[in-house]
Amino acid sequence: MSFHPPLRPEVKPKPPKEWYEELMDRDEILLYFTASLGVLLPGIVYVIYHKVHNIYINYAKKKEQLRLAEEAARSEVAIIPMCTEDSVAQRFAKQLESILKAEMVNPPKLWPITTLKAKEFAVFKGFCVFVVETLSGGTALAPCDWFLEWLEDVAADAKQKKKANFEALKFIIIGFGSSDDGEANFNRNQASAENGVCRRGGVVILLGDGPGL
């Protein structure tokens, strides 16, 4: 019977731990981590809040600018003379322009039918005053025929109709014609212009007859 102690396997010494491994073994790492979060998180939240707040402020400013621009566009006035040179209707249109210039902050636009641009009229959202002259026999100026035909084209083209702002347009039509033309032809162009714009969504405010020619 042997009294020698049993032989134990030789255990190799463990290599020394790195500093971060020793730190991980201690509880202090949790304290450091939570302390870091306590310092950093409020700053991060503030930065995020500041960014979101600036985005909202810029959005609100842009929306307000668009609203003011929309109101300004709807408050514009355009006078559209559909008449011959040096006629009673044209003199009335010029007198009306002069009066509105004196009364309004923003002067009215003067768009003679001979120089009227379809694209410019299609995006107009304000208030239109049509001064329409009917010539002898119920005939109209050639540019007036072009304008009415263009309205028909817009009505037939869904894409153009969608782009046009006729639903926002409000207008009055003042007609000038000769009573000698009879009931059928008296101020005939006034009625044509009314039908053309109303059928595209415009809202008529007033129809009037100017003095006979």
N, C-alpha and C. Protein backbone atom coordinates (compact mmCIF):
# COMPACT_ATOMS: atom_id res chain seq x y z
N MET A 1 0.85 -1.19 0.00
CA MET A 1 0.00 0.00 0.00
C MET A 1 0.88 1.23 0.00
N SER A 2 0.62 2.13 -0.98
CA SER A 2 1.49 3.31 -1.14
C SER A 2 0.87 4.49 -0.42
N PHE A 3 1.77 5.26 0.26
CA PHE A 3 1.31 6.45 0.97
C PHE A 3 1.67 7.74 0.23
N HIS A 4 2.11 7.61 -1.02
CA HIS A 4 2.42 8.81 -1.81
C HIS A 4 1.13 9.45 -2.33
N PRO A 5 1.08 10.77 -2.32
CA PRO A 5 -0.13 11.43 -2.85
C PRO A 5 -0.28 11.19 -4.35
N PRO A 6 -1.49 11.15 -4.81
CA PRO A 6 -1.69 10.90 -6.25
C PRO A 6 -1.11 12.03 -7.09
N LEU A 7 -0.65 11.63 -8.20
CA LEU A 7 -0.08 12.62 -9.13
C LEU A 7 -1.20 13.42 -9.82
N ARG A 8 -1.07 14.74 -9.81
CA ARG A 8 -2.05 15.60 -10.48
C ARG A 8 -1.49 16.08 -11.83
N PRO A 9 -2.37 16.21 -12.79
CA PRO A 9 -1.88 16.69 -14.09
C PRO A 9 -1.31 18.10 -13.97
N GLU A 10 -0.30 18.30 -14.68
CA GLU A 10 0.36 19.62 -14.63
C GLU A 10 -0.52 20.66 -15.34
N VAL A 11 -0.83 21.73 -14.63
CA VAL A 11 -1.67 22.81 -15.18
C VAL A 11 -0.77 23.96 -15.62
N LYS A 12 -0.96 24.29 -16.87
CA LYS A 12 -0.15 25.39 -17.41
C LYS A 12 -0.69 26.72 -16.89
N PRO A 13 0.19 27.62 -16.56
CA PRO A 13 -0.28 28.92 -16.06
C PRO A 13 -1.02 29.69 -17.18
N LYS A 14 -2.13 30.35 -16.76
CA LYS A 14 -2.90 31.12 -17.73
C LYS A 14 -2.17 32.40 -18.10
N PRO A 15 -2.25 32.79 -19.37
CA PRO A 15 -1.60 34.05 -19.76
C PRO A 15 -2.31 35.22 -19.10
N PRO A 16 -1.62 36.27 -18.86
CA PRO A 16 -2.26 37.44 -18.22
C PRO A 16 -3.35 38.01 -19.13
N LYS A 17 -4.43 38.47 -18.49
CA LYS A 17 -5.56 39.03 -19.23
C LYS A 17 -5.24 40.45 -19.71
N GLU A 18 -5.87 40.76 -20.82
CA GLU A 18 -5.76 42.13 -21.30
C GLU A 18 -6.56 43.05 -20.38
N TRP A 19 -6.28 44.34 -20.50
CA TRP A 19 -6.93 45.29 -19.59
C TRP A 19 -8.43 45.34 -19.76
N TYR A 20 -8.88 45.20 -21.05
CA TYR A 20 -10.32 45.27 -21.27
C TYR A 20 -11.02 44.01 -20.78
N GLU A 21 -10.29 42.86 -20.81
CA GLU A 21 -10.88 41.64 -20.28
C GLU A 21 -11.05 41.73 -18.76
N GLU A 22 -10.04 42.29 -18.10
CA GLU A 22 -10.16 42.48 -16.66
C GLU A 22 -11.29 43.45 -16.33
N LEU A 23 -11.44 44.47 -17.18
CA LEU A 23 -12.50 45.45 -16.94
C LEU A 23 -13.87 44.82 -17.12
N MET A 24 -13.99 43.91 -18.10
CA MET A 24 -15.26 43.24 -18.33
C MET A 24 -15.63 42.33 -17.18
N ASP A 25 -14.63 41.80 -16.51
CA ASP A 25 -14.90 40.91 -15.38
C ASP A 25 -15.38 41.68 -14.15
N ARG A 26 -15.20 42.94 -14.17
CA ARG A 26 -15.62 43.74 -13.01
C ARG A 26 -17.00 44.35 -13.26
N ASP A 27 -17.65 44.73 -12.21
CA ASP A 27 -18.96 45.36 -12.31
C ASP A 27 -18.88 46.82 -12.72
N GLU A 28 -17.67 47.40 -12.66
CA GLU A 28 -17.55 48.82 -12.96
C GLU A 28 -17.95 49.15 -14.40
N ILE A 29 -17.83 48.15 -15.29
CA ILE A 29 -18.15 48.42 -16.69
C ILE A 29 -19.61 48.83 -16.86
N LEU A 30 -20.50 48.21 -16.08
CA LEU A 30 -21.91 48.58 -16.13
C LEU A 30 -22.13 50.00 -15.65
N LEU A 31 -21.38 50.36 -14.62
CA LEU A 31 -21.50 51.72 -14.10
C LEU A 31 -21.03 52.74 -15.13
N TYR A 32 -19.88 52.42 -15.76
CA TYR A 32 -19.37 53.31 -16.79
C TYR A 32 -20.36 53.45 -17.96
N PHE A 33 -20.94 52.31 -18.34
CA PHE A 33 -21.86 52.31 -19.47
C PHE A 33 -23.11 53.14 -19.18
N THR A 34 -23.73 52.89 -18.02
CA THR A 34 -24.93 53.65 -17.66
C THR A 34 -24.62 55.14 -17.47
N ALA A 35 -23.44 55.42 -16.92
CA ALA A 35 -23.07 56.83 -16.75
C ALA A 35 -22.89 57.51 -18.10
N SER A 36 -22.29 56.78 -19.05
CA SER A 36 -22.11 57.35 -20.39
C SER A 36 -23.46 57.62 -21.06
N LEU A 37 -24.39 56.66 -20.90
CA LEU A 37 -25.71 56.87 -21.48
C LEU A 37 -26.40 58.08 -20.84
N GLY A 38 -26.22 58.22 -19.55
CA GLY A 38 -26.83 59.36 -18.86
C GLY A 38 -26.31 60.69 -19.35
N VAL A 39 -25.05 60.71 -19.81
CA VAL A 39 -24.47 61.94 -20.33
C VAL A 39 -24.82 62.16 -21.80
N LEU A 40 -24.76 61.08 -22.59
CA LEU A 40 -24.92 61.22 -24.04
C LEU A 40 -26.37 61.30 -24.49
N LEU A 41 -27.25 60.51 -23.89
CA LEU A 41 -28.63 60.45 -24.38
C LEU A 41 -29.35 61.80 -24.37
N PRO A 42 -29.27 62.59 -23.30
CA PRO A 42 -29.94 63.90 -23.35
C PRO A 42 -29.44 64.77 -24.49
N GLY A 43 -28.13 64.72 -24.76
CA GLY A 43 -27.58 65.50 -25.87
C GLY A 43 -28.09 65.01 -27.21
N ILE A 44 -28.16 63.67 -27.36
CA ILE A 44 -28.66 63.10 -28.62
C ILE A 44 -30.12 63.46 -28.83
N VAL A 45 -30.91 63.34 -27.75
CA VAL A 45 -32.34 63.69 -27.84
C VAL A 45 -32.51 65.16 -28.20
N TYR A 46 -31.68 66.02 -27.62
CA TYR A 46 -31.77 67.46 -27.91
C TYR A 46 -31.45 67.73 -29.38
N VAL A 47 -30.39 67.08 -29.88
CA VAL A 47 -30.01 67.29 -31.28
C VAL A 47 -31.13 66.83 -32.21
N ILE A 48 -31.72 65.65 -31.93
CA ILE A 48 -32.82 65.15 -32.76
C ILE A 48 -34.02 66.09 -32.70
N TYR A 49 -34.35 66.53 -31.49
CA TYR A 49 -35.48 67.46 -31.33
C TYR A 49 -35.23 68.76 -32.10
N HIS A 50 -34.00 69.27 -32.00
CA HIS A 50 -33.65 70.51 -32.69
C HIS A 50 -33.79 70.35 -34.20
N LYS A 51 -33.34 69.22 -34.74
CA LYS A 51 -33.44 68.97 -36.18
C LYS A 51 -34.90 68.89 -36.61
N VAL A 52 -35.69 68.10 -35.86
CA VAL A 52 -37.11 67.93 -36.20
C VAL A 52 -37.85 69.26 -36.09
N HIS A 53 -37.52 70.04 -35.07
CA HIS A 53 -38.16 71.34 -34.89
C HIS A 53 -37.85 72.28 -36.06
N ASN A 54 -36.60 72.28 -36.50
CA ASN A 54 -36.21 73.13 -37.64
C ASN A 54 -36.94 72.70 -38.92
N ILE A 55 -37.07 71.38 -39.10
CA ILE A 55 -37.78 70.87 -40.28
C ILE A 55 -39.24 71.33 -40.25
N TYR A 56 -39.85 71.24 -39.07
CA TYR A 56 -41.25 71.65 -38.94
C TYR A 56 -41.41 73.15 -39.17
N ILE A 57 -40.50 73.95 -38.61
CA ILE A 57 -40.58 75.40 -38.78
C ILE A 57 -40.44 75.77 -40.25
N ASN A 58 -39.49 75.14 -40.95
CA ASN A 58 -39.31 75.42 -42.38
C ASN A 58 -40.55 75.01 -43.18
N TYR A 59 -41.14 73.87 -42.80
CA TYR A 59 -42.36 73.41 -43.47
C TYR A 59 -43.50 74.40 -43.25
N ALA A 60 -43.64 74.86 -42.00
CA ALA A 60 -44.71 75.81 -41.67
C ALA A 60 -44.52 77.13 -42.43
N LYS A 61 -43.26 77.60 -42.53
CA LYS A 61 -42.99 78.84 -43.25
C LYS A 61 -43.32 78.68 -44.74
N LYS A 62 -42.91 77.55 -45.30
CA LYS A 62 -43.17 77.30 -46.72
C LYS A 62 -44.67 77.21 -46.99
N LYS A 63 -45.38 76.54 -46.09
CA LYS A 63 -46.83 76.41 -46.26
C LYS A 63 -47.51 77.77 -46.16
N GLU A 64 -47.04 78.62 -45.25
CA GLU A 64 -47.61 79.95 -45.11
C GLU A 64 -47.31 80.81 -46.34
N GLN A 65 -46.10 80.67 -46.88
CA GLN A 65 -45.75 81.40 -48.10
C GLN A 65 -46.64 80.97 -49.27
N LEU A 66 -46.89 79.65 -49.36
CA LEU A 66 -47.76 79.16 -50.42
C LEU A 66 -49.19 79.67 -50.24
N ARG A 67 -49.64 79.73 -48.99
CA ARG A 67 -50.99 80.23 -48.72
C ARG A 67 -51.11 81.70 -49.11
N LEU A 68 -50.11 82.49 -48.75
CA LEU A 68 -50.13 83.91 -49.10
C LEU A 68 -50.06 84.11 -50.61
N ALA A 69 -49.22 83.29 -51.27
CA ALA A 69 -49.12 83.37 -52.73
C ALA A 69 -50.45 83.00 -53.39
N GLU A 70 -51.12 81.99 -52.82
CA GLU A 70 -52.42 81.58 -53.36
C GLU A 70 -53.46 82.69 -53.17
N GLU A 71 -53.45 83.32 -52.01
CA GLU A 71 -54.39 84.42 -51.76
C GLU A 71 -54.11 85.60 -52.70
N ALA A 72 -52.80 85.88 -52.91
CA ALA A 72 -52.44 86.97 -53.81
C ALA A 72 -52.89 86.66 -55.24
N ALA A 73 -52.73 85.39 -55.65
CA ALA A 73 -53.13 85.00 -57.00
C ALA A 73 -54.65 85.13 -57.17
N ARG A 74 -55.40 84.78 -56.13
CA ARG A 74 -56.86 84.84 -56.22
C ARG A 74 -57.39 86.28 -56.13
N SER A 75 -56.56 87.19 -55.64
CA SER A 75 -57.00 88.58 -55.52
C SER A 75 -56.61 89.42 -56.74
N GLU A 76 -55.92 88.83 -57.70
CA GLU A 76 -55.54 89.57 -58.91
C GLU A 76 -56.76 89.84 -59.78
N VAL A 77 -56.67 90.92 -60.52
CA VAL A 77 -57.75 91.30 -61.44
C VAL A 77 -57.16 91.46 -62.84
N ALA A 78 -57.83 90.89 -63.81
CA ALA A 78 -57.40 91.02 -65.20
C ALA A 78 -58.57 91.56 -66.03
N ILE A 79 -58.29 92.57 -66.83
CA ILE A 79 -59.28 93.13 -67.75
C ILE A 79 -58.94 92.61 -69.15
N ILE A 80 -59.92 91.97 -69.78
CA ILE A 80 -59.68 91.38 -71.10
C ILE A 80 -60.61 92.05 -72.10
N PRO A 81 -60.10 93.07 -72.81
CA PRO A 81 -60.93 93.73 -73.84
C PRO A 81 -61.04 92.85 -75.09
N MET A 82 -62.25 92.51 -75.45
CA MET A 82 -62.50 91.75 -76.67
C MET A 82 -63.25 92.68 -77.62
N CYS A 83 -62.51 93.70 -78.09
CA CYS A 83 -63.17 94.77 -78.84
C CYS A 83 -62.20 95.37 -79.86
N THR A 84 -62.75 96.20 -80.73
CA THR A 84 -61.95 96.85 -81.77
C THR A 84 -61.27 98.09 -81.22
N GLU A 85 -60.28 98.57 -81.98
CA GLU A 85 -59.55 99.77 -81.59
C GLU A 85 -60.47 100.99 -81.59
N ASP A 86 -60.29 101.84 -80.57
CA ASP A 86 -60.98 103.12 -80.47
C ASP A 86 -62.51 102.98 -80.50
N SER A 87 -63.00 101.88 -79.98
CA SER A 87 -64.44 101.69 -79.88
C SER A 87 -64.91 102.11 -78.50
N VAL A 88 -66.22 102.19 -78.33
CA VAL A 88 -66.78 102.52 -77.01
C VAL A 88 -66.34 101.49 -75.98
N ALA A 89 -66.34 100.24 -76.38
CA ALA A 89 -65.95 99.16 -75.47
C ALA A 89 -64.50 99.31 -75.03
N GLN A 90 -63.62 99.65 -75.97
CA GLN A 90 -62.21 99.80 -75.60
C GLN A 90 -62.01 101.00 -74.68
N ARG A 91 -62.71 102.09 -74.95
CA ARG A 91 -62.58 103.26 -74.08
C ARG A 91 -63.08 102.94 -72.66
N PHE A 92 -64.13 102.14 -72.61
CA PHE A 92 -64.64 101.73 -71.29
C PHE A 92 -63.60 100.88 -70.56
N ALA A 93 -62.94 99.97 -71.28
CA ALA A 93 -61.93 99.10 -70.66
C ALA A 93 -60.77 99.92 -70.11
N LYS A 94 -60.34 100.92 -70.87
CA LYS A 94 -59.23 101.77 -70.41
C LYS A 94 -59.64 102.61 -69.19
N GLN A 95 -60.87 103.09 -69.21
CA GLN A 95 -61.35 103.87 -68.07
C GLN A 95 -61.44 102.98 -66.82
N LEU A 96 -61.92 101.76 -67.01
CA LEU A 96 -62.00 100.82 -65.89
C LEU A 96 -60.62 100.51 -65.33
N GLU A 97 -59.65 100.32 -66.22
CA GLU A 97 -58.28 100.07 -65.77
C GLU A 97 -57.76 101.24 -64.94
N SER A 98 -58.02 102.45 -65.39
CA SER A 98 -57.55 103.64 -64.68
C SER A 98 -58.17 103.73 -63.29
N ILE A 99 -59.46 103.43 -63.18
CA ILE A 99 -60.14 103.49 -61.88
C ILE A 99 -59.59 102.43 -60.93
N LEU A 100 -59.41 101.22 -61.42
CA LEU A 100 -58.91 100.13 -60.57
C LEU A 100 -57.47 100.37 -60.13
N LYS A 101 -56.67 100.99 -60.99
CA LYS A 101 -55.30 101.33 -60.60
C LYS A 101 -55.28 102.27 -59.41
N ALA A 102 -56.21 103.21 -59.40
CA ALA A 102 -56.26 104.18 -58.31
C ALA A 102 -56.81 103.57 -57.03
N GLU A 103 -57.65 102.55 -57.15
CA GLU A 103 -58.32 101.98 -55.98
C GLU A 103 -57.59 100.77 -55.39
N MET A 104 -56.87 100.03 -56.20
CA MET A 104 -56.28 98.76 -55.75
C MET A 104 -54.81 98.91 -55.39
N VAL A 105 -54.36 98.04 -54.48
CA VAL A 105 -52.93 98.02 -54.12
C VAL A 105 -52.11 97.49 -55.29
N ASN A 106 -52.55 96.37 -55.84
CA ASN A 106 -51.88 95.80 -57.02
C ASN A 106 -52.67 96.18 -58.27
N PRO A 107 -52.05 96.85 -59.22
CA PRO A 107 -52.78 97.29 -60.42
C PRO A 107 -53.30 96.10 -61.20
N PRO A 108 -54.42 96.26 -61.89
CA PRO A 108 -54.98 95.16 -62.67
C PRO A 108 -54.13 94.87 -63.91
N LYS A 109 -54.25 93.65 -64.38
CA LYS A 109 -53.59 93.27 -65.63
C LYS A 109 -54.51 93.67 -66.78
N LEU A 110 -53.92 94.11 -67.87
CA LEU A 110 -54.68 94.43 -69.07
C LEU A 110 -54.25 93.46 -70.16
N TRP A 111 -55.16 92.56 -70.53
CA TRP A 111 -54.86 91.53 -71.52
C TRP A 111 -55.78 91.69 -72.73
N PRO A 112 -55.42 92.52 -73.69
CA PRO A 112 -56.24 92.60 -74.91
C PRO A 112 -56.31 91.22 -75.58
N ILE A 113 -57.45 90.92 -76.14
CA ILE A 113 -57.65 89.60 -76.74
C ILE A 113 -56.66 89.34 -77.87
N THR A 114 -56.17 90.41 -78.50
CA THR A 114 -55.24 90.25 -79.62
C THR A 114 -53.87 89.77 -79.16
N THR A 115 -53.53 90.00 -77.90
CA THR A 115 -52.21 89.58 -77.39
C THR A 115 -52.34 88.58 -76.24
N LEU A 116 -53.55 88.13 -75.95
CA LEU A 116 -53.76 87.21 -74.83
C LEU A 116 -53.06 85.88 -75.10
N LYS A 117 -52.32 85.40 -74.10
CA LYS A 117 -51.64 84.11 -74.20
C LYS A 117 -52.45 83.05 -73.47
N ALA A 118 -52.71 81.95 -74.17
CA ALA A 118 -53.56 80.91 -73.60
C ALA A 118 -52.97 80.33 -72.32
N LYS A 119 -51.66 80.09 -72.30
CA LYS A 119 -51.03 79.50 -71.11
C LYS A 119 -51.16 80.42 -69.90
N GLU A 120 -51.01 81.72 -70.15
CA GLU A 120 -51.10 82.69 -69.06
C GLU A 120 -52.52 82.75 -68.50
N PHE A 121 -53.50 82.70 -69.39
CA PHE A 121 -54.88 82.74 -68.95
C PHE A 121 -55.28 81.45 -68.23
N ALA A 122 -54.74 80.31 -68.67
CA ALA A 122 -55.12 79.02 -68.10
C ALA A 122 -54.71 78.89 -66.64
N VAL A 123 -53.62 79.55 -66.24
CA VAL A 123 -53.14 79.44 -64.86
C VAL A 123 -53.63 80.59 -63.99
N PHE A 124 -54.41 81.49 -64.57
CA PHE A 124 -54.90 82.64 -63.81
C PHE A 124 -55.99 82.20 -62.84
N LYS A 125 -55.91 82.65 -61.58
CA LYS A 125 -56.86 82.23 -60.55
C LYS A 125 -57.70 83.39 -60.00
N GLY A 126 -57.51 84.57 -60.56
CA GLY A 126 -58.14 85.74 -59.97
C GLY A 126 -59.50 86.07 -60.55
N PHE A 127 -59.72 87.35 -60.73
CA PHE A 127 -61.01 87.89 -61.15
C PHE A 127 -60.86 88.52 -62.52
N CYS A 128 -61.65 88.06 -63.48
CA CYS A 128 -61.56 88.55 -64.86
C CYS A 128 -62.75 89.45 -65.18
N VAL A 129 -62.44 90.53 -65.88
CA VAL A 129 -63.49 91.41 -66.41
C VAL A 129 -63.39 91.35 -67.93
N PHE A 130 -64.34 90.68 -68.56
CA PHE A 130 -64.39 90.61 -70.02
C PHE A 130 -65.22 91.78 -70.54
N VAL A 131 -64.61 92.58 -71.40
CA VAL A 131 -65.33 93.67 -72.07
C VAL A 131 -65.51 93.22 -73.52
N VAL A 132 -66.72 92.78 -73.85
CA VAL A 132 -66.97 92.09 -75.11
C VAL A 132 -67.78 92.98 -76.05
N GLU A 133 -67.27 93.14 -77.25
CA GLU A 133 -67.97 93.92 -78.28
C GLU A 133 -68.53 92.98 -79.34
N THR A 134 -69.79 93.18 -79.67
CA THR A 134 -70.42 92.45 -80.76
C THR A 134 -70.54 93.38 -81.96
N LEU A 135 -69.94 92.98 -83.07
CA LEU A 135 -69.96 93.81 -84.27
C LEU A 135 -71.31 93.70 -84.98
N SER A 136 -71.45 94.47 -86.02
CA SER A 136 -72.70 94.49 -86.78
C SER A 136 -73.05 93.09 -87.28
N GLY A 137 -74.32 92.73 -87.12
CA GLY A 137 -74.76 91.42 -87.58
C GLY A 137 -74.45 90.30 -86.61
N GLY A 138 -73.99 90.64 -85.40
CA GLY A 138 -73.68 89.61 -84.40
C GLY A 138 -72.34 88.95 -84.58
N THR A 139 -71.48 89.53 -85.43
CA THR A 139 -70.17 88.93 -85.67
C THR A 139 -69.18 89.34 -84.57
N ALA A 140 -68.05 88.65 -84.56
CA ALA A 140 -67.03 88.91 -83.54
C ALA A 140 -65.68 89.11 -84.19
N LEU A 141 -64.76 89.68 -83.44
CA LEU A 141 -63.38 89.80 -83.92
C LEU A 141 -62.78 88.42 -84.10
N ALA A 142 -61.85 88.30 -85.04
CA ALA A 142 -61.19 87.01 -85.27
C ALA A 142 -60.51 86.47 -84.01
N PRO A 143 -59.80 87.29 -83.23
CA PRO A 143 -59.20 86.78 -82.00
C PRO A 143 -60.23 86.24 -81.01
N CYS A 144 -61.44 86.82 -81.01
CA CYS A 144 -62.49 86.32 -80.12
C CYS A 144 -62.89 84.90 -80.52
N ASP A 145 -63.00 84.67 -81.83
CA ASP A 145 -63.31 83.32 -82.31
C ASP A 145 -62.22 82.35 -81.89
N TRP A 146 -60.97 82.78 -81.98
CA TRP A 146 -59.86 81.93 -81.56
C TRP A 146 -59.97 81.58 -80.08
N PHE A 147 -60.31 82.57 -79.26
CA PHE A 147 -60.41 82.35 -77.81
C PHE A 147 -61.52 81.34 -77.48
N LEU A 148 -62.66 81.49 -78.12
CA LEU A 148 -63.77 80.58 -77.86
C LEU A 148 -63.46 79.17 -78.36
N GLU A 149 -62.77 79.07 -79.48
CA GLU A 149 -62.37 77.76 -79.98
C GLU A 149 -61.37 77.10 -79.03
N TRP A 150 -60.48 77.91 -78.48
CA TRP A 150 -59.50 77.38 -77.52
C TRP A 150 -60.21 76.84 -76.28
N LEU A 151 -61.24 77.54 -75.80
CA LEU A 151 -62.01 77.04 -74.66
C LEU A 151 -62.64 75.68 -74.98
N GLU A 152 -63.13 75.53 -76.21
CA GLU A 152 -63.69 74.24 -76.61
C GLU A 152 -62.63 73.15 -76.61
N ASP A 153 -61.43 73.49 -77.07
CA ASP A 153 -60.34 72.51 -77.10
C ASP A 153 -59.96 72.08 -75.68
N VAL A 154 -59.94 73.04 -74.76
CA VAL A 154 -59.61 72.71 -73.37
C VAL A 154 -60.66 71.76 -72.79
N ALA A 155 -61.92 72.01 -73.09
CA ALA A 155 -62.99 71.16 -72.58
C ALA A 155 -62.88 69.74 -73.12
N ALA A 156 -62.40 69.61 -74.36
CA ALA A 156 -62.31 68.29 -74.98
C ALA A 156 -61.06 67.53 -74.57
N ASP A 157 -60.04 68.23 -74.09
CA ASP A 157 -58.77 67.60 -73.71
C ASP A 157 -58.72 67.48 -72.18
N ALA A 158 -58.80 66.25 -71.68
CA ALA A 158 -58.84 66.04 -70.23
C ALA A 158 -57.56 66.53 -69.56
N LYS A 159 -56.43 66.37 -70.24
CA LYS A 159 -55.15 66.79 -69.66
C LYS A 159 -55.09 68.30 -69.50
N GLN A 160 -55.49 69.04 -70.55
CA GLN A 160 -55.50 70.50 -70.48
C GLN A 160 -56.52 70.99 -69.45
N LYS A 161 -57.67 70.34 -69.41
CA LYS A 161 -58.72 70.76 -68.48
C LYS A 161 -58.27 70.59 -67.04
N LYS A 162 -57.49 69.54 -66.78
CA LYS A 162 -56.99 69.30 -65.42
C LYS A 162 -55.99 70.37 -65.01
N LYS A 163 -55.16 70.82 -65.96
CA LYS A 163 -54.14 71.82 -65.65
C LYS A 163 -54.73 73.22 -65.50
N ALA A 164 -55.79 73.51 -66.22
CA ALA A 164 -56.38 74.85 -66.17
C ALA A 164 -57.04 75.11 -64.82
N ASN A 165 -57.07 76.38 -64.43
CA ASN A 165 -57.62 76.77 -63.13
C ASN A 165 -58.99 77.43 -63.28
N PHE A 166 -59.78 76.96 -64.22
CA PHE A 166 -61.06 77.62 -64.48
C PHE A 166 -62.02 77.53 -63.29
N GLU A 167 -61.89 76.47 -62.49
CA GLU A 167 -62.78 76.34 -61.33
C GLU A 167 -62.51 77.44 -60.30
N ALA A 168 -61.28 77.93 -60.26
CA ALA A 168 -60.94 79.01 -59.33
C ALA A 168 -61.25 80.39 -59.91
N LEU A 169 -61.52 80.44 -61.21
CA LEU A 169 -61.72 81.72 -61.89
C LEU A 169 -63.11 82.29 -61.63
N LYS A 170 -63.15 83.57 -61.32
CA LYS A 170 -64.41 84.30 -61.19
C LYS A 170 -64.37 85.46 -62.19
N PHE A 171 -65.51 85.78 -62.77
CA PHE A 171 -65.46 86.78 -63.83
C PHE A 171 -66.79 87.51 -63.97
N ILE A 172 -66.72 88.66 -64.60
CA ILE A 172 -67.91 89.37 -65.06
C ILE A 172 -67.73 89.64 -66.55
N ILE A 173 -68.84 89.75 -67.24
CA ILE A 173 -68.82 90.03 -68.67
C ILE A 173 -69.68 91.26 -68.93
N ILE A 174 -69.08 92.25 -69.55
CA ILE A 174 -69.80 93.47 -69.91
C ILE A 174 -69.85 93.54 -71.43
N GLY A 175 -71.04 93.50 -71.98
CA GLY A 175 -71.19 93.45 -73.42
C GLY A 175 -71.55 94.79 -74.03
N PHE A 176 -71.01 95.02 -75.21
CA PHE A 176 -71.31 96.23 -75.98
C PHE A 176 -71.79 95.80 -77.37
N GLY A 177 -72.95 96.23 -77.75
CA GLY A 177 -73.48 95.88 -79.06
C GLY A 177 -74.55 96.87 -79.49
N SER A 178 -74.97 96.73 -80.71
CA SER A 178 -75.99 97.63 -81.27
C SER A 178 -77.36 96.97 -81.20
N SER A 179 -78.32 97.72 -80.70
CA SER A 179 -79.70 97.19 -80.63
C SER A 179 -80.31 97.04 -82.02
N ASP A 180 -79.68 97.64 -83.03
CA ASP A 180 -80.20 97.51 -84.40
C ASP A 180 -80.02 96.09 -84.94
N ASP A 181 -79.18 95.28 -84.29
CA ASP A 181 -78.94 93.92 -84.76
C ASP A 181 -80.09 92.98 -84.44
N GLY A 182 -81.06 93.44 -83.69
CA GLY A 182 -82.18 92.58 -83.34
C GLY A 182 -81.88 91.71 -82.12
N GLU A 183 -82.93 91.10 -81.62
CA GLU A 183 -82.79 90.32 -80.38
C GLU A 183 -81.84 89.14 -80.54
N ALA A 184 -81.84 88.49 -81.68
CA ALA A 184 -81.02 87.29 -81.88
C ALA A 184 -79.53 87.60 -81.87
N ASN A 185 -79.15 88.76 -82.40
CA ASN A 185 -77.73 89.09 -82.54
C ASN A 185 -77.23 90.11 -81.52
N PHE A 186 -78.14 90.68 -80.74
CA PHE A 186 -77.72 91.72 -79.79
C PHE A 186 -76.82 91.11 -78.71
N ASN A 187 -75.61 91.66 -78.59
CA ASN A 187 -74.61 91.17 -77.62
C ASN A 187 -74.43 89.65 -77.70
N ARG A 188 -74.40 89.17 -78.90
CA ARG A 188 -74.27 87.73 -79.12
C ARG A 188 -72.94 87.20 -78.59
N ASN A 189 -71.88 87.97 -78.76
CA ASN A 189 -70.56 87.51 -78.30
C ASN A 189 -70.47 87.47 -76.78
N GLN A 190 -71.22 88.32 -76.12
CA GLN A 190 -71.25 88.28 -74.66
C GLN A 190 -71.76 86.92 -74.19
N ALA A 191 -72.85 86.47 -74.80
CA ALA A 191 -73.42 85.17 -74.42
C ALA A 191 -72.46 84.03 -74.75
N SER A 192 -71.77 84.14 -75.89
CA SER A 192 -70.81 83.09 -76.27
C SER A 192 -69.66 83.01 -75.28
N ALA A 193 -69.15 84.17 -74.89
CA ALA A 193 -68.05 84.19 -73.92
C ALA A 193 -68.51 83.63 -72.57
N GLU A 194 -69.72 83.99 -72.17
CA GLU A 194 -70.26 83.48 -70.90
C GLU A 194 -70.35 81.96 -70.92
N ASN A 195 -70.94 81.43 -71.97
CA ASN A 195 -71.09 79.98 -72.07
C ASN A 195 -69.74 79.28 -72.12
N GLY A 196 -68.80 79.88 -72.86
CA GLY A 196 -67.49 79.25 -72.99
C GLY A 196 -66.75 79.14 -71.67
N VAL A 197 -66.75 80.21 -70.88
CA VAL A 197 -66.01 80.18 -69.61
C VAL A 197 -66.78 79.42 -68.54
N CYS A 198 -68.09 79.57 -68.49
CA CYS A 198 -68.89 78.87 -67.47
C CYS A 198 -68.82 77.36 -67.66
N ARG A 199 -68.83 76.90 -68.88
CA ARG A 199 -68.78 75.47 -69.14
C ARG A 199 -67.44 74.86 -68.77
N ARG A 200 -66.42 75.70 -68.60
CA ARG A 200 -65.11 75.18 -68.18
C ARG A 200 -64.95 75.26 -66.66
N GLY A 201 -65.99 75.71 -65.95
CA GLY A 201 -65.92 75.74 -64.50
C GLY A 201 -65.84 77.12 -63.90
N GLY A 202 -65.75 78.17 -64.71
CA GLY A 202 -65.68 79.52 -64.17
C GLY A 202 -66.99 79.93 -63.50
N VAL A 203 -66.90 80.82 -62.54
CA VAL A 203 -68.07 81.29 -61.79
C VAL A 203 -68.38 82.71 -62.22
N VAL A 204 -69.55 82.91 -62.80
CA VAL A 204 -69.95 84.24 -63.26
C VAL A 204 -70.51 85.04 -62.08
N ILE A 205 -70.08 86.27 -61.95
CA ILE A 205 -70.56 87.15 -60.89
C ILE A 205 -71.63 88.11 -61.41
N LEU A 206 -71.42 88.62 -62.61
CA LEU A 206 -72.34 89.64 -63.13
C LEU A 206 -72.28 89.64 -64.65
N LEU A 207 -73.42 89.80 -65.23
CA LEU A 207 -73.51 90.05 -66.67
C LEU A 207 -74.08 91.44 -66.86
N GLY A 208 -73.51 92.19 -67.76
CA GLY A 208 -74.01 93.54 -67.97
C GLY A 208 -74.00 93.90 -69.44
N ASP A 209 -74.83 94.84 -69.80
CA ASP A 209 -74.87 95.35 -71.17
C ASP A 209 -74.35 96.78 -71.17
N GLY A 210 -73.35 97.03 -72.01
CA GLY A 210 -72.86 98.39 -72.15
C GLY A 210 -73.82 99.19 -73.01
N PRO A 211 -73.55 100.45 -73.19
CA PRO A 211 -74.39 101.27 -74.05
C PRO A 211 -74.32 100.81 -75.49
N GLY A 212 -75.37 100.97 -76.21
CA GLY A 212 -75.39 100.59 -77.61
C GLY A 212 -74.38 101.37 -78.41
N LEU A 213 -73.89 100.77 -79.47
CA LEU A 213 -72.87 101.42 -80.29
C LEU A 213 -73.52 102.34 -81.31
